[in-house]
Amino acid sequence: MDNFNCPISQTRLRQISNDACDSALATATAYNHAQTAAWNDSIINSVLKALVSESQSAAASAESRYKFCVNSTIIQHLSDPRPSGTTSTATNTEKTAGDAAVEGEAQEELKKEVGGGEESEEVAAAAAASNKAASNTGGPGRRGMHSASGAYWNNAKDGMWSHKYEGGEAKGMDIVIAIMWIAA
């Protein structure tokens, strides 16, 4: 970025974001949808607390000269990132809950594409072929995700920054943190 106008350096923003994600996911071993709201809350609150604290000390006053907005997005990988047999108790003929969820999602998507309703023989055959192909390649992989943000503001004082947390890969998820600041 040529014109980086944040009151906190990019290096420090990256460190704040990584520390917040590390802390929120410290006990997580894999993606768990029931925990995503708590993880996001923890990440956002940790980042906001650090941003406000550091911008206040930089401003040398009790009130920050900036307003901050933090967004945390957690994206589930479709396949389990752990090597086969490392932590799963399932045998080769059993399916883990994650495997079943992925197959169920694939079948639902296929039903929508084909025309919904009752499962026809064609849909069942296509789903079985899709599942077999996925299992032969180690799973369906990752979901696609694209995100963009924009704003109308004073480019000299306001801005935004985003960062992908690398520590989520081994836990079956991607985490993207976006931080915006607006001069008060």
C-alpha atoms as a PDB file:
ATOM      1  CA  MET A   1       0.000   0.000   0.000  1.00  0.00           C
ATOM      2  CA  ASP A   2       1.506   3.320  -1.026  1.00  0.00           C
ATOM      3  CA  ASN A   3      -0.612   5.563   1.179  1.00  0.00           C
ATOM      4  CA  PHE A   4      -0.960   3.714   4.475  1.00  0.00           C
ATOM      5  CA  ASN A   5      -2.447   6.206   6.906  1.00  0.00           C
ATOM      6  CA  CYS A   6      -3.422   4.018   9.858  1.00  0.00           C
ATOM      7  CA  PRO A   7      -2.340   5.263  13.279  1.00  0.00           C
ATOM      8  CA  ILE A   8      -0.838   1.790  13.870  1.00  0.00           C
ATOM      9  CA  SER A   9       1.798   0.176  11.622  1.00  0.00           C
ATOM     10  CA  GLN A  10       0.907  -2.701   9.301  1.00  0.00           C
ATOM     11  CA  THR A  11       3.337  -4.938  11.169  1.00  0.00           C
ATOM     12  CA  ARG A  12       1.580  -4.187  14.454  1.00  0.00           C
ATOM     13  CA  LEU A  13      -1.877  -4.679  12.875  1.00  0.00           C
ATOM     14  CA  ARG A  14      -0.761  -8.109  11.650  1.00  0.00           C
ATOM     15  CA  GLN A  15       0.574  -8.965  15.116  1.00  0.00           C
ATOM     16  CA  ILE A  16      -2.634  -7.789  16.833  1.00  0.00           C
ATOM     17  CA  SER A  17      -4.763  -9.838  14.401  1.00  0.00           C
ATOM     18  CA  ASN A  18      -2.634 -12.976  14.736  1.00  0.00           C
ATOM     19  CA  ASP A  19      -2.571 -12.723  18.541  1.00  0.00           C
ATOM     20  CA  ALA A  20      -6.370 -12.365  18.653  1.00  0.00           C
ATOM     21  CA  CYS A  21      -6.866 -15.403  16.387  1.00  0.00           C
ATOM     22  CA  ASP A  22      -4.292 -17.478  18.293  1.00  0.00           C
ATOM     23  CA  SER A  23      -6.053 -16.692  21.558  1.00  0.00           C
ATOM     24  CA  ALA A  24      -9.575 -17.361  20.250  1.00  0.00           C
ATOM     25  CA  LEU A  25      -8.609 -20.679  18.629  1.00  0.00           C
ATOM     26  CA  ALA A  26      -6.192 -21.882  21.325  1.00  0.00           C
ATOM     27  CA  THR A  27      -8.324 -24.894  22.276  1.00  0.00           C
ATOM     28  CA  ALA A  28      -9.824 -25.563  18.826  1.00  0.00           C
ATOM     29  CA  THR A  29      -8.629 -28.620  16.941  1.00  0.00           C
ATOM     30  CA  ALA A  30     -10.972 -28.357  13.953  1.00  0.00           C
ATOM     31  CA  TYR A  31     -13.779 -26.211  12.570  1.00  0.00           C
ATOM     32  CA  ASN A  32     -16.868 -26.362  14.792  1.00  0.00           C
ATOM     33  CA  HIS A  33     -19.820 -24.337  13.530  1.00  0.00           C
ATOM     34  CA  ALA A  34     -21.325 -24.064  17.021  1.00  0.00           C
ATOM     35  CA  GLN A  35     -18.185 -22.200  18.145  1.00  0.00           C
ATOM     36  CA  THR A  36     -17.861 -19.720  15.253  1.00  0.00           C
ATOM     37  CA  ALA A  37     -19.867 -16.935  16.918  1.00  0.00           C
ATOM     38  CA  ALA A  38     -17.779 -17.186  20.097  1.00  0.00           C
ATOM     39  CA  TRP A  39     -14.532 -17.266  18.085  1.00  0.00           C
ATOM     40  CA  ASN A  40     -15.560 -14.233  16.033  1.00  0.00           C
ATOM     41  CA  ASP A  41     -16.651 -12.318  19.160  1.00  0.00           C
ATOM     42  CA  SER A  42     -13.351 -13.071  20.861  1.00  0.00           C
ATOM     43  CA  ILE A  43     -11.289 -12.076  17.804  1.00  0.00           C
ATOM     44  CA  ILE A  44     -13.205  -8.840  17.218  1.00  0.00           C
ATOM     45  CA  ASN A  45     -13.175  -7.772  20.873  1.00  0.00           C
ATOM     46  CA  SER A  46      -9.448  -8.516  21.261  1.00  0.00           C
ATOM     47  CA  VAL A  47      -8.561  -6.582  18.114  1.00  0.00           C
ATOM     48  CA  LEU A  48     -10.776  -3.616  19.054  1.00  0.00           C
ATOM     49  CA  LYS A  49      -9.355  -3.466  22.571  1.00  0.00           C
ATOM     50  CA  ALA A  50      -5.774  -3.430  21.240  1.00  0.00           C
ATOM     51  CA  LEU A  51      -6.561  -0.848  18.527  1.00  0.00           C
ATOM     52  CA  VAL A  52      -8.257   1.553  20.940  1.00  0.00           C
ATOM     53  CA  SER A  53      -5.498   1.128  23.523  1.00  0.00           C
ATOM     54  CA  GLU A  54      -2.679   1.718  21.048  1.00  0.00           C
ATOM     55  CA  SER A  55      -4.356   4.589  19.234  1.00  0.00           C
ATOM     56  CA  GLN A  56      -5.059   6.338  22.559  1.00  0.00           C
ATOM     57  CA  SER A  57      -1.441   6.054  23.642  1.00  0.00           C
ATOM     58  CA  ALA A  58      -0.324   7.331  20.234  1.00  0.00           C
ATOM     59  CA  ALA A  59      -2.703  10.292  20.522  1.00  0.00           C
ATOM     60  CA  ALA A  60      -1.488  11.079  24.074  1.00  0.00           C
ATOM     61  CA  SER A  61      -5.036  11.749  25.221  1.00  0.00           C
ATOM     62  CA  ALA A  62      -7.803   9.819  26.940  1.00  0.00           C
ATOM     63  CA  GLU A  63      -9.869   9.769  23.765  1.00  0.00           C
ATOM     64  CA  SER A  64      -8.899   8.076  20.518  1.00  0.00           C
ATOM     65  CA  ARG A  65      -8.669  10.235  17.410  1.00  0.00           C
ATOM     66  CA  TYR A  66     -10.036   7.320  15.389  1.00  0.00           C
ATOM     67  CA  LYS A  67     -13.108   5.148  15.239  1.00  0.00           C
ATOM     68  CA  PHE A  68     -12.499   1.516  14.353  1.00  0.00           C
ATOM     69  CA  CYS A  69     -14.579  -1.208  12.736  1.00  0.00           C
ATOM     70  CA  VAL A  70     -13.381  -4.823  12.799  1.00  0.00           C
ATOM     71  CA  ASN A  71     -14.803  -7.680  10.748  1.00  0.00           C
ATOM     72  CA  SER A  72     -13.849 -11.323  11.269  1.00  0.00           C
ATOM     73  CA  THR A  73     -14.866 -13.979   8.742  1.00  0.00           C
ATOM     74  CA  ILE A  74     -14.352 -17.691   9.383  1.00  0.00           C
ATOM     75  CA  ILE A  75     -14.530 -19.938   6.315  1.00  0.00           C
ATOM     76  CA  GLN A  76     -14.831 -23.709   6.759  1.00  0.00           C
ATOM     77  CA  HIS A  77     -12.737 -26.008   4.589  1.00  0.00           C
ATOM     78  CA  LEU A  78     -14.818 -28.844   3.162  1.00  0.00           C
ATOM     79  CA  SER A  79     -12.323 -31.542   4.011  1.00  0.00           C
ATOM     80  CA  ASP A  80     -10.732 -32.422   7.313  1.00  0.00           C
ATOM     81  CA  PRO A  81      -7.191 -30.965   7.334  1.00  0.00           C
ATOM     82  CA  ARG A  82      -5.832 -33.738   9.549  1.00  0.00           C
ATOM     83  CA  PRO A  83      -4.008 -36.606   7.867  1.00  0.00           C
ATOM     84  CA  SER A  84      -6.085 -39.736   7.525  1.00  0.00           C
ATOM     85  CA  GLY A  85      -6.325 -41.712  10.740  1.00  0.00           C
ATOM     86  CA  THR A  86      -4.588 -39.177  13.003  1.00  0.00           C
ATOM     87  CA  THR A  87      -7.436 -38.219  15.298  1.00  0.00           C
ATOM     88  CA  SER A  88     -10.530 -39.779  13.798  1.00  0.00           C
ATOM     89  CA  THR A  89     -11.885 -42.899  15.456  1.00  0.00           C
ATOM     90  CA  ALA A  90     -13.753 -43.865  12.299  1.00  0.00           C
ATOM     91  CA  THR A  91     -12.662 -46.973  10.427  1.00  0.00           C
ATOM     92  CA  ASN A  92     -12.293 -47.111   6.670  1.00  0.00           C
ATOM     93  CA  THR A  93     -15.922 -48.169   6.322  1.00  0.00           C
ATOM     94  CA  GLU A  94     -17.294 -45.616   8.790  1.00  0.00           C
ATOM     95  CA  LYS A  95     -17.841 -41.975   8.021  1.00  0.00           C
ATOM     96  CA  THR A  96     -16.925 -39.125  10.315  1.00  0.00           C
ATOM     97  CA  ALA A  97     -19.500 -36.428  11.009  1.00  0.00           C
ATOM     98  CA  GLY A  98     -17.526 -34.108   8.728  1.00  0.00           C
ATOM     99  CA  ASP A  99     -17.586 -36.632   5.874  1.00  0.00           C
ATOM    100  CA  ALA A 100     -21.335 -37.055   6.251  1.00  0.00           C
ATOM    101  CA  ALA A 101     -21.879 -33.299   6.335  1.00  0.00           C
ATOM    102  CA  VAL A 102     -19.831 -32.777   3.179  1.00  0.00           C
ATOM    103  CA  GLU A 103     -21.678 -35.544   1.348  1.00  0.00           C
ATOM    104  CA  GLY A 104     -25.029 -34.208   2.551  1.00  0.00           C
ATOM    105  CA  GLU A 105     -24.163 -30.704   1.329  1.00  0.00           C
ATOM    106  CA  ALA A 106     -23.054 -32.080  -2.034  1.00  0.00           C
ATOM    107  CA  GLN A 107     -26.308 -34.002  -2.430  1.00  0.00           C
ATOM    108  CA  GLU A 108     -28.390 -30.948  -1.479  1.00  0.00           C
ATOM    109  CA  GLU A 109     -26.526 -28.773  -3.996  1.00  0.00           C
ATOM    110  CA  LEU A 110     -27.000 -31.392  -6.689  1.00  0.00           C
ATOM    111  CA  LYS A 111     -30.733 -31.609  -5.942  1.00  0.00           C
ATOM    112  CA  LYS A 112     -31.019 -27.840  -6.344  1.00  0.00           C
ATOM    113  CA  GLU A 113     -29.132 -27.922  -9.641  1.00  0.00           C
ATOM    114  CA  VAL A 114     -31.185 -30.811 -11.023  1.00  0.00           C
ATOM    115  CA  GLY A 115     -34.515 -29.429  -9.929  1.00  0.00           C
ATOM    116  CA  GLY A 116     -35.024 -30.225  -6.245  1.00  0.00           C
ATOM    117  CA  GLY A 117     -37.858 -32.331  -4.918  1.00  0.00           C
ATOM    118  CA  GLU A 118     -37.595 -36.050  -4.403  1.00  0.00           C
ATOM    119  CA  GLU A 119     -34.265 -37.650  -5.067  1.00  0.00           C
ATOM    120  CA  SER A 120     -34.351 -39.294  -8.474  1.00  0.00           C
ATOM    121  CA  GLU A 121     -32.174 -42.189  -9.563  1.00  0.00           C
ATOM    122  CA  GLU A 122     -30.135 -39.755 -11.670  1.00  0.00           C
ATOM    123  CA  VAL A 123     -29.521 -37.468  -8.685  1.00  0.00           C
ATOM    124  CA  ALA A 124     -28.592 -40.410  -6.465  1.00  0.00           C
ATOM    125  CA  ALA A 125     -26.191 -41.776  -9.102  1.00  0.00           C
ATOM    126  CA  ALA A 126     -24.614 -38.362  -9.682  1.00  0.00           C
ATOM    127  CA  ALA A 127     -24.228 -37.801  -5.924  1.00  0.00           C
ATOM    128  CA  ALA A 128     -22.613 -41.212  -5.501  1.00  0.00           C
ATOM    129  CA  ALA A 129     -20.203 -40.489  -8.362  1.00  0.00           C
ATOM    130  CA  SER A 130     -19.401 -37.086  -6.874  1.00  0.00           C
ATOM    131  CA  ASN A 131     -18.774 -38.609  -3.445  1.00  0.00           C
ATOM    132  CA  LYS A 132     -16.560 -41.328  -4.935  1.00  0.00           C
ATOM    133  CA  ALA A 133     -14.548 -38.749  -6.878  1.00  0.00           C
ATOM    134  CA  ALA A 134     -14.161 -36.637  -3.752  1.00  0.00           C
ATOM    135  CA  SER A 135     -12.951 -39.591  -1.703  1.00  0.00           C
ATOM    136  CA  ASN A 136     -10.446 -40.552  -4.411  1.00  0.00           C
ATOM    137  CA  THR A 137      -8.924 -37.071  -4.398  1.00  0.00           C
ATOM    138  CA  GLY A 138      -8.776 -36.724  -0.619  1.00  0.00           C
ATOM    139  CA  GLY A 139     -12.041 -34.821  -0.324  1.00  0.00           C
ATOM    140  CA  PRO A 140     -13.762 -31.946  -2.021  1.00  0.00           C
ATOM    141  CA  GLY A 141     -11.228 -29.390  -0.752  1.00  0.00           C
ATOM    142  CA  ARG A 142     -12.078 -25.826   0.094  1.00  0.00           C
ATOM    143  CA  ARG A 143     -15.080 -23.637  -0.422  1.00  0.00           C
ATOM    144  CA  GLY A 144     -14.622 -20.628  -2.629  1.00  0.00           C
ATOM    145  CA  MET A 145     -14.819 -17.211  -1.060  1.00  0.00           C
ATOM    146  CA  HIS A 146     -14.369 -13.712  -2.355  1.00  0.00           C
ATOM    147  CA  SER A 147     -14.882 -10.608  -0.293  1.00  0.00           C
ATOM    148  CA  ALA A 148     -14.574  -6.938  -1.156  1.00  0.00           C
ATOM    149  CA  SER A 149     -15.122  -3.705   0.732  1.00  0.00           C
ATOM    150  CA  GLY A 150     -15.375  -0.099  -0.252  1.00  0.00           C
ATOM    151  CA  ALA A 151     -16.060   3.208   1.390  1.00  0.00           C
ATOM    152  CA  TYR A 152     -16.516   6.879   0.633  1.00  0.00           C
ATOM    153  CA  TRP A 153     -14.329   8.864   3.001  1.00  0.00           C
ATOM    154  CA  ASN A 154     -11.329  11.121   3.406  1.00  0.00           C
ATOM    155  CA  ASN A 155      -8.459   9.153   1.858  1.00  0.00           C
ATOM    156  CA  ALA A 156      -5.901  11.247   3.742  1.00  0.00           C
ATOM    157  CA  LYS A 157      -7.190  10.207   7.184  1.00  0.00           C
ATOM    158  CA  ASP A 158      -9.400   7.129   6.815  1.00  0.00           C
ATOM    159  CA  GLY A 159      -8.606   3.670   5.522  1.00  0.00           C
ATOM    160  CA  MET A 160      -8.935  -0.092   5.678  1.00  0.00           C
ATOM    161  CA  TRP A 161      -6.652  -3.099   5.927  1.00  0.00           C
ATOM    162  CA  SER A 162      -7.288  -6.843   5.683  1.00  0.00           C
ATOM    163  CA  HIS A 163      -5.304  -9.902   6.666  1.00  0.00           C
ATOM    164  CA  LYS A 164      -5.655 -13.669   6.281  1.00  0.00           C
ATOM    165  CA  TYR A 165      -4.674 -15.510   9.450  1.00  0.00           C
ATOM    166  CA  GLU A 166      -2.458 -18.433   8.464  1.00  0.00           C
ATOM    167  CA  GLY A 167      -2.891 -20.397  11.715  1.00  0.00           C
ATOM    168  CA  GLY A 168      -6.367 -21.641  10.796  1.00  0.00           C
ATOM    169  CA  GLU A 169      -5.206 -23.857   7.924  1.00  0.00           C
ATOM    170  CA  ALA A 170      -4.318 -26.815  10.156  1.00  0.00           C
ATOM    171  CA  LYS A 171      -7.683 -26.524  11.915  1.00  0.00           C
ATOM    172  CA  GLY A 172      -9.753 -26.719   8.729  1.00  0.00           C
ATOM    173  CA  MET A 173     -10.629 -23.050   8.346  1.00  0.00           C
ATOM    174  CA  ASP A 174      -9.518 -19.740   6.959  1.00  0.00           C
ATOM    175  CA  ILE A 175      -9.925 -16.546   8.950  1.00  0.00           C
ATOM    176  CA  VAL A 176      -9.926 -13.125   7.340  1.00  0.00           C
ATOM    177  CA  ILE A 177      -9.724 -10.007   9.501  1.00  0.00           C
ATOM    178  CA  ALA A 178     -10.671  -6.593   8.093  1.00  0.00           C
ATOM    179  CA  ILE A 179      -9.975  -3.390  10.011  1.00  0.00           C
ATOM    180  CA  MET A 180     -11.312   0.044   9.091  1.00  0.00           C
ATOM    181  CA  TRP A 181     -10.414   3.329  10.737  1.00  0.00           C
ATOM    182  CA  ILE A 182     -12.128   6.682  10.433  1.00  0.00           C
ATOM    183  CA  ALA A 183     -10.663   9.883  11.843  1.00  0.00           C
ATOM    184  CA  ALA A 184     -12.916  11.241  14.576  1.00  0.00           C
END
